[in-house]
PDB file of all heavy atoms in Angstrom:
ATOM      1  N   LEU A   1     -18.689   8.565   4.277  1.00  0.00           N
ATOM      2  CA  LEU A   1     -18.128   7.425   5.000  1.00  0.00           C
ATOM      3  C   LEU A   1     -16.642   7.379   4.708  1.00  0.00           C
ATOM      4  O   LEU A   1     -16.202   7.782   3.650  1.00  0.00           O
ATOM      5  CB  LEU A   1     -18.764   6.161   4.516  1.00  0.00           C
ATOM      6  CG  LEU A   1     -20.289   6.032   4.882  1.00  0.00           C
ATOM      7  CD1 LEU A   1     -20.843   4.788   4.265  1.00  0.00           C
ATOM      8  CD2 LEU A   1     -20.492   6.025   6.342  1.00  0.00           C
ATOM      9  N   THR A   2     -15.909   7.026   5.748  1.00  0.00           N
ATOM     10  CA  THR A   2     -14.451   7.124   5.680  1.00  0.00           C
ATOM     11  C   THR A   2     -13.856   5.713   5.775  1.00  0.00           C
ATOM     12  O   THR A   2     -14.351   4.874   6.399  1.00  0.00           O
ATOM     13  CB  THR A   2     -13.931   7.975   6.833  1.00  0.00           C
ATOM     14  OG1 THR A   2     -14.269   7.362   8.094  1.00  0.00           O
ATOM     15  CG2 THR A   2     -14.432   9.348   6.801  1.00  0.00           C
ATOM     16  N   ALA A   3     -12.734   5.603   5.039  1.00  0.00           N
ATOM     17  CA  ALA A   3     -12.035   4.291   4.994  1.00  0.00           C
ATOM     18  C   ALA A   3     -10.575   4.587   5.177  1.00  0.00           C
ATOM     19  O   ALA A   3     -10.069   5.646   4.908  1.00  0.00           O
ATOM     20  CB  ALA A   3     -12.253   3.540   3.606  1.00  0.00           C
ATOM     21  N   SER A   4      -9.838   3.584   5.659  1.00  0.00           N
ATOM     22  CA  SER A   4      -8.415   3.566   5.775  1.00  0.00           C
ATOM     23  C   SER A   4      -7.874   2.340   5.035  1.00  0.00           C
ATOM     24  O   SER A   4      -8.567   1.317   5.010  1.00  0.00           O
ATOM     25  CB  SER A   4      -7.898   3.610   7.210  1.00  0.00           C
ATOM     26  OG  SER A   4      -8.270   4.793   7.832  1.00  0.00           O
ATOM     27  N   VAL A   5      -6.735   2.460   4.527  1.00  0.00           N
ATOM     28  CA  VAL A   5      -6.103   1.336   3.801  1.00  0.00           C
ATOM     29  C   VAL A   5      -4.768   1.058   4.387  1.00  0.00           C
ATOM     30  O   VAL A   5      -3.994   1.973   4.642  1.00  0.00           O
ATOM     31  CB  VAL A   5      -5.941   1.593   2.268  1.00  0.00           C
ATOM     32  CG1 VAL A   5      -5.101   0.556   1.635  1.00  0.00           C
ATOM     33  CG2 VAL A   5      -7.258   1.796   1.659  1.00  0.00           C
ATOM     34  N   ILE A   6      -4.512  -0.252   4.753  1.00  0.00           N
ATOM     35  CA  ILE A   6      -3.196  -0.658   5.356  1.00  0.00           C
ATOM     36  C   ILE A   6      -2.585  -1.665   4.458  1.00  0.00           C
ATOM     37  O   ILE A   6      -3.120  -2.700   4.099  1.00  0.00           O
ATOM     38  CB  ILE A   6      -3.439  -1.272   6.728  1.00  0.00           C
ATOM     39  CG1 ILE A   6      -4.152  -0.313   7.664  1.00  0.00           C
ATOM     40  CG2 ILE A   6      -2.096  -1.655   7.379  1.00  0.00           C
ATOM     41  CD1 ILE A   6      -4.596  -0.881   9.036  1.00  0.00           C
ATOM     42  N   ALA A   7      -1.344  -1.379   4.057  1.00  0.00           N
ATOM     43  CA  ALA A   7      -0.491  -2.325   3.320  1.00  0.00           C
ATOM     44  C   ALA A   7       0.432  -3.002   4.244  1.00  0.00           C
ATOM     45  O   ALA A   7       1.150  -2.274   5.026  1.00  0.00           O
ATOM     46  CB  ALA A   7       0.190  -1.656   2.144  1.00  0.00           C
ATOM     47  N   VAL A   8       0.572  -4.298   4.250  1.00  0.00           N
ATOM     48  CA  VAL A   8       1.481  -5.053   5.052  1.00  0.00           C
ATOM     49  C   VAL A   8       2.614  -5.553   4.148  1.00  0.00           C
ATOM     50  O   VAL A   8       2.353  -6.377   3.321  1.00  0.00           O
ATOM     51  CB  VAL A   8       0.792  -6.131   5.826  1.00  0.00           C
ATOM     52  CG1 VAL A   8       1.813  -6.929   6.698  1.00  0.00           C
ATOM     53  CG2 VAL A   8      -0.353  -5.663   6.671  1.00  0.00           C
ATOM     54  N   GLY A   9       3.851  -5.095   4.427  1.00  0.00           N
ATOM     55  CA  GLY A   9       4.893  -5.571   3.505  1.00  0.00           C
ATOM     56  C   GLY A   9       6.255  -4.852   3.752  1.00  0.00           C
ATOM     57  O   GLY A   9       6.365  -3.703   3.477  1.00  0.00           O
ATOM     58  N   ASP A  10       7.200  -5.606   4.207  1.00  0.00           N
ATOM     59  CA  ASP A  10       8.574  -5.072   4.313  1.00  0.00           C
ATOM     60  C   ASP A  10       9.126  -4.661   2.970  1.00  0.00           C
ATOM     61  O   ASP A  10       9.885  -3.727   2.825  1.00  0.00           O
ATOM     62  CB  ASP A  10       9.544  -6.125   4.948  1.00  0.00           C
ATOM     63  CG  ASP A  10       9.218  -6.348   6.405  1.00  0.00           C
ATOM     64  OD1 ASP A  10       8.501  -5.483   7.081  1.00  0.00           O
ATOM     65  OD2 ASP A  10       9.606  -7.395   6.995  1.00  0.00           O
ATOM     66  N   GLU A  11       8.685  -5.439   1.920  1.00  0.00           N
ATOM     67  CA  GLU A  11       9.224  -5.237   0.574  1.00  0.00           C
ATOM     68  C   GLU A  11       8.857  -3.745   0.057  1.00  0.00           C
ATOM     69  O   GLU A  11       9.547  -3.137  -0.729  1.00  0.00           O
ATOM     70  CB  GLU A  11       8.689  -6.274  -0.414  1.00  0.00           C
ATOM     71  CG  GLU A  11       7.247  -6.302  -0.720  1.00  0.00           C
ATOM     72  CD  GLU A  11       6.476  -7.068   0.360  1.00  0.00           C
ATOM     73  OE1 GLU A  11       7.072  -7.402   1.419  1.00  0.00           O
ATOM     74  OE2 GLU A  11       5.232  -7.193   0.211  1.00  0.00           O
ATOM     75  N   ILE A  12       7.689  -3.260   0.580  1.00  0.00           N
ATOM     76  CA  ILE A  12       7.299  -1.888   0.167  1.00  0.00           C
ATOM     77  C   ILE A  12       8.105  -0.898   0.960  1.00  0.00           C
ATOM     78  O   ILE A  12       8.640   0.067   0.423  1.00  0.00           O
ATOM     79  CB  ILE A  12       5.799  -1.664   0.472  1.00  0.00           C
ATOM     80  CG1 ILE A  12       4.945  -2.692  -0.391  1.00  0.00           C
ATOM     81  CG2 ILE A  12       5.357  -0.276   0.092  1.00  0.00           C
ATOM     82  CD1 ILE A  12       3.487  -2.642  -0.096  1.00  0.00           C
ATOM     83  N   LEU A  13       8.275  -1.153   2.264  1.00  0.00           N
ATOM     84  CA  LEU A  13       9.060  -0.202   3.108  1.00  0.00           C
ATOM     85  C   LEU A  13      10.515  -0.188   2.700  1.00  0.00           C
ATOM     86  O   LEU A  13      11.167   0.851   2.891  1.00  0.00           O
ATOM     87  CB  LEU A  13       8.876  -0.622   4.540  1.00  0.00           C
ATOM     88  CG  LEU A  13       7.499  -0.405   5.220  1.00  0.00           C
ATOM     89  CD1 LEU A  13       7.485  -1.055   6.575  1.00  0.00           C
ATOM     90  CD2 LEU A  13       7.261   1.097   5.328  1.00  0.00           C
ATOM     91  N   PHE A  14      11.064  -1.299   2.290  1.00  0.00           N
ATOM     92  CA  PHE A  14      12.470  -1.395   1.878  1.00  0.00           C
ATOM     93  C   PHE A  14      12.671  -0.816   0.446  1.00  0.00           C
ATOM     94  O   PHE A  14      13.792  -0.746   0.010  1.00  0.00           O
ATOM     95  CB  PHE A  14      12.969  -2.764   1.956  1.00  0.00           C
ATOM     96  CG  PHE A  14      13.019  -3.387   3.315  1.00  0.00           C
ATOM     97  CD1 PHE A  14      13.009  -4.764   3.550  1.00  0.00           C
ATOM     98  CD2 PHE A  14      12.958  -2.509   4.411  1.00  0.00           C
ATOM     99  CE1 PHE A  14      13.055  -5.281   4.738  1.00  0.00           C
ATOM    100  CE2 PHE A  14      13.002  -3.106   5.702  1.00  0.00           C
ATOM    101  CZ  PHE A  14      13.023  -4.456   5.876  1.00  0.00           C
ATOM    102  N   GLY A  15      11.578  -0.461  -0.271  1.00  0.00           N
ATOM    103  CA  GLY A  15      11.716   0.047  -1.603  1.00  0.00           C
ATOM    104  C   GLY A  15      12.031  -0.985  -2.633  1.00  0.00           C
ATOM    105  O   GLY A  15      12.384  -0.675  -3.819  1.00  0.00           O
ATOM    106  N   ILE A  16      11.770  -2.189  -2.342  1.00  0.00           N
ATOM    107  CA  ILE A  16      11.997  -3.297  -3.268  1.00  0.00           C
ATOM    108  C   ILE A  16      10.937  -3.331  -4.369  1.00  0.00           C
ATOM    109  O   ILE A  16      11.168  -3.590  -5.527  1.00  0.00           O
ATOM    110  CB  ILE A  16      12.127  -4.667  -2.593  1.00  0.00           C
ATOM    111  CG1 ILE A  16      13.281  -4.668  -1.575  1.00  0.00           C
ATOM    112  CG2 ILE A  16      12.284  -5.822  -3.573  1.00  0.00           C
ATOM    113  CD1 ILE A  16      13.322  -5.879  -0.665  1.00  0.00           C
ATOM    114  N   VAL A  17       9.680  -3.118  -3.937  1.00  0.00           N
ATOM    115  CA  VAL A  17       8.560  -3.064  -4.839  1.00  0.00           C
ATOM    116  C   VAL A  17       7.781  -1.815  -4.620  1.00  0.00           C
ATOM    117  O   VAL A  17       7.756  -1.238  -3.540  1.00  0.00           O
ATOM    118  CB  VAL A  17       7.613  -4.319  -4.704  1.00  0.00           C
ATOM    119  CG1 VAL A  17       8.399  -5.637  -4.948  1.00  0.00           C
ATOM    120  CG2 VAL A  17       6.987  -4.333  -3.358  1.00  0.00           C
ATOM    121  N   GLU A  18       7.088  -1.419  -5.662  1.00  0.00           N
ATOM    122  CA  GLU A  18       6.185  -0.220  -5.558  1.00  0.00           C
ATOM    123  C   GLU A  18       4.787  -0.664  -5.331  1.00  0.00           C
ATOM    124  O   GLU A  18       4.220  -1.498  -6.036  1.00  0.00           O
ATOM    125  CB  GLU A  18       6.301   0.600  -6.879  1.00  0.00           C
ATOM    126  CG  GLU A  18       5.415   1.890  -6.855  1.00  0.00           C
ATOM    127  CD  GLU A  18       5.569   2.655  -8.123  1.00  0.00           C
ATOM    128  OE1 GLU A  18       6.442   2.265  -8.983  1.00  0.00           O
ATOM    129  OE2 GLU A  18       4.770   3.605  -8.324  1.00  0.00           O
ATOM    130  N   ASP A  19       4.224  -0.057  -4.332  1.00  0.00           N
ATOM    131  CA  ASP A  19       2.774  -0.386  -3.974  1.00  0.00           C
ATOM    132  C   ASP A  19       1.847   0.225  -5.032  1.00  0.00           C
ATOM    133  O   ASP A  19       1.729   1.425  -5.143  1.00  0.00           O
ATOM    134  CB  ASP A  19       2.466   0.119  -2.617  1.00  0.00           C
ATOM    135  CG  ASP A  19       0.956  -0.151  -2.252  1.00  0.00           C
ATOM    136  OD1 ASP A  19       0.447  -1.172  -2.701  1.00  0.00           O
ATOM    137  OD2 ASP A  19       0.454   0.594  -1.435  1.00  0.00           O
ATOM    138  N   GLN A  20       1.164  -0.720  -5.765  1.00  0.00           N
ATOM    139  CA  GLN A  20       0.159  -0.265  -6.756  1.00  0.00           C
ATOM    140  C   GLN A  20      -1.246  -0.499  -6.233  1.00  0.00           C
ATOM    141  O   GLN A  20      -2.187   0.192  -6.751  1.00  0.00           O
ATOM    142  CB  GLN A  20       0.382  -0.973  -8.077  1.00  0.00           C
ATOM    143  CG  GLN A  20       1.647  -0.682  -8.674  1.00  0.00           C
ATOM    144  CD  GLN A  20       1.919  -1.383 -10.039  1.00  0.00           C
ATOM    145  OE1 GLN A  20       1.257  -2.405 -10.292  1.00  0.00           O
ATOM    146  NE2 GLN A  20       2.818  -0.872 -10.882  1.00  0.00           N
ATOM    147  N   LEU A  21      -1.455  -1.373  -5.300  1.00  0.00           N
ATOM    148  CA  LEU A  21      -2.767  -1.677  -4.804  1.00  0.00           C
ATOM    149  C   LEU A  21      -3.378  -0.512  -4.021  1.00  0.00           C
ATOM    150  O   LEU A  21      -4.583  -0.252  -4.123  1.00  0.00           O
ATOM    151  CB  LEU A  21      -2.737  -2.926  -3.926  1.00  0.00           C
ATOM    152  CG  LEU A  21      -2.935  -4.245  -4.630  1.00  0.00           C
ATOM    153  CD1 LEU A  21      -1.720  -4.503  -5.594  1.00  0.00           C
ATOM    154  CD2 LEU A  21      -2.991  -5.363  -3.617  1.00  0.00           C
ATOM    155  N   GLY A  22      -2.584   0.170  -3.165  1.00  0.00           N
ATOM    156  CA  GLY A  22      -3.121   1.270  -2.435  1.00  0.00           C
ATOM    157  C   GLY A  22      -3.755   2.358  -3.202  1.00  0.00           C
ATOM    158  O   GLY A  22      -4.871   2.683  -3.028  1.00  0.00           O
ATOM    159  N   PRO A  23      -3.012   2.953  -4.246  1.00  0.00           N
ATOM    160  CA  PRO A  23      -3.576   3.985  -5.059  1.00  0.00           C
ATOM    161  C   PRO A  23      -4.863   3.482  -5.853  1.00  0.00           C
ATOM    162  O   PRO A  23      -5.841   4.171  -6.001  1.00  0.00           O
ATOM    163  CB  PRO A  23      -2.478   4.372  -6.039  1.00  0.00           C
ATOM    164  CG  PRO A  23      -1.196   3.975  -5.268  1.00  0.00           C
ATOM    165  CD  PRO A  23      -1.621   2.757  -4.467  1.00  0.00           C
ATOM    166  N   SER A  24      -4.758   2.200  -6.287  1.00  0.00           N
ATOM    167  CA  SER A  24      -5.899   1.656  -7.039  1.00  0.00           C
ATOM    168  C   SER A  24      -7.154   1.530  -6.143  1.00  0.00           C
ATOM    169  O   SER A  24      -8.229   1.893  -6.541  1.00  0.00           O
ATOM    170  CB  SER A  24      -5.577   0.239  -7.598  1.00  0.00           C
ATOM    171  OG  SER A  24      -6.676  -0.362  -8.314  1.00  0.00           O
ATOM    172  N   LEU A  25      -6.901   1.083  -4.903  1.00  0.00           N
ATOM    173  CA  LEU A  25      -8.018   0.946  -3.979  1.00  0.00           C
ATOM    174  C   LEU A  25      -8.587   2.305  -3.573  1.00  0.00           C
ATOM    175  O   LEU A  25      -9.769   2.509  -3.405  1.00  0.00           O
ATOM    176  CB  LEU A  25      -7.508   0.168  -2.742  1.00  0.00           C
ATOM    177  CG  LEU A  25      -8.604  -0.285  -1.662  1.00  0.00           C
ATOM    178  CD1 LEU A  25      -9.645  -1.090  -2.401  1.00  0.00           C
ATOM    179  CD2 LEU A  25      -7.894  -1.087  -0.595  1.00  0.00           C
ATOM    180  N   SER A  26      -7.726   3.302  -3.469  1.00  0.00           N
ATOM    181  CA  SER A  26      -8.193   4.665  -3.208  1.00  0.00           C
ATOM    182  C   SER A  26      -9.127   5.123  -4.274  1.00  0.00           C
ATOM    183  O   SER A  26     -10.197   5.699  -4.023  1.00  0.00           O
ATOM    184  CB  SER A  26      -6.959   5.594  -3.149  1.00  0.00           C
ATOM    185  OG  SER A  26      -7.358   6.960  -3.073  1.00  0.00           O
TER     186      SER A  26
END
């Protein structure tokens, strides 16, 4: 079974914060 993960956040795209939820969810 396949899944996709979408993070919504300008702060991630602007490099202000590092996304930790995506790797954890993976």
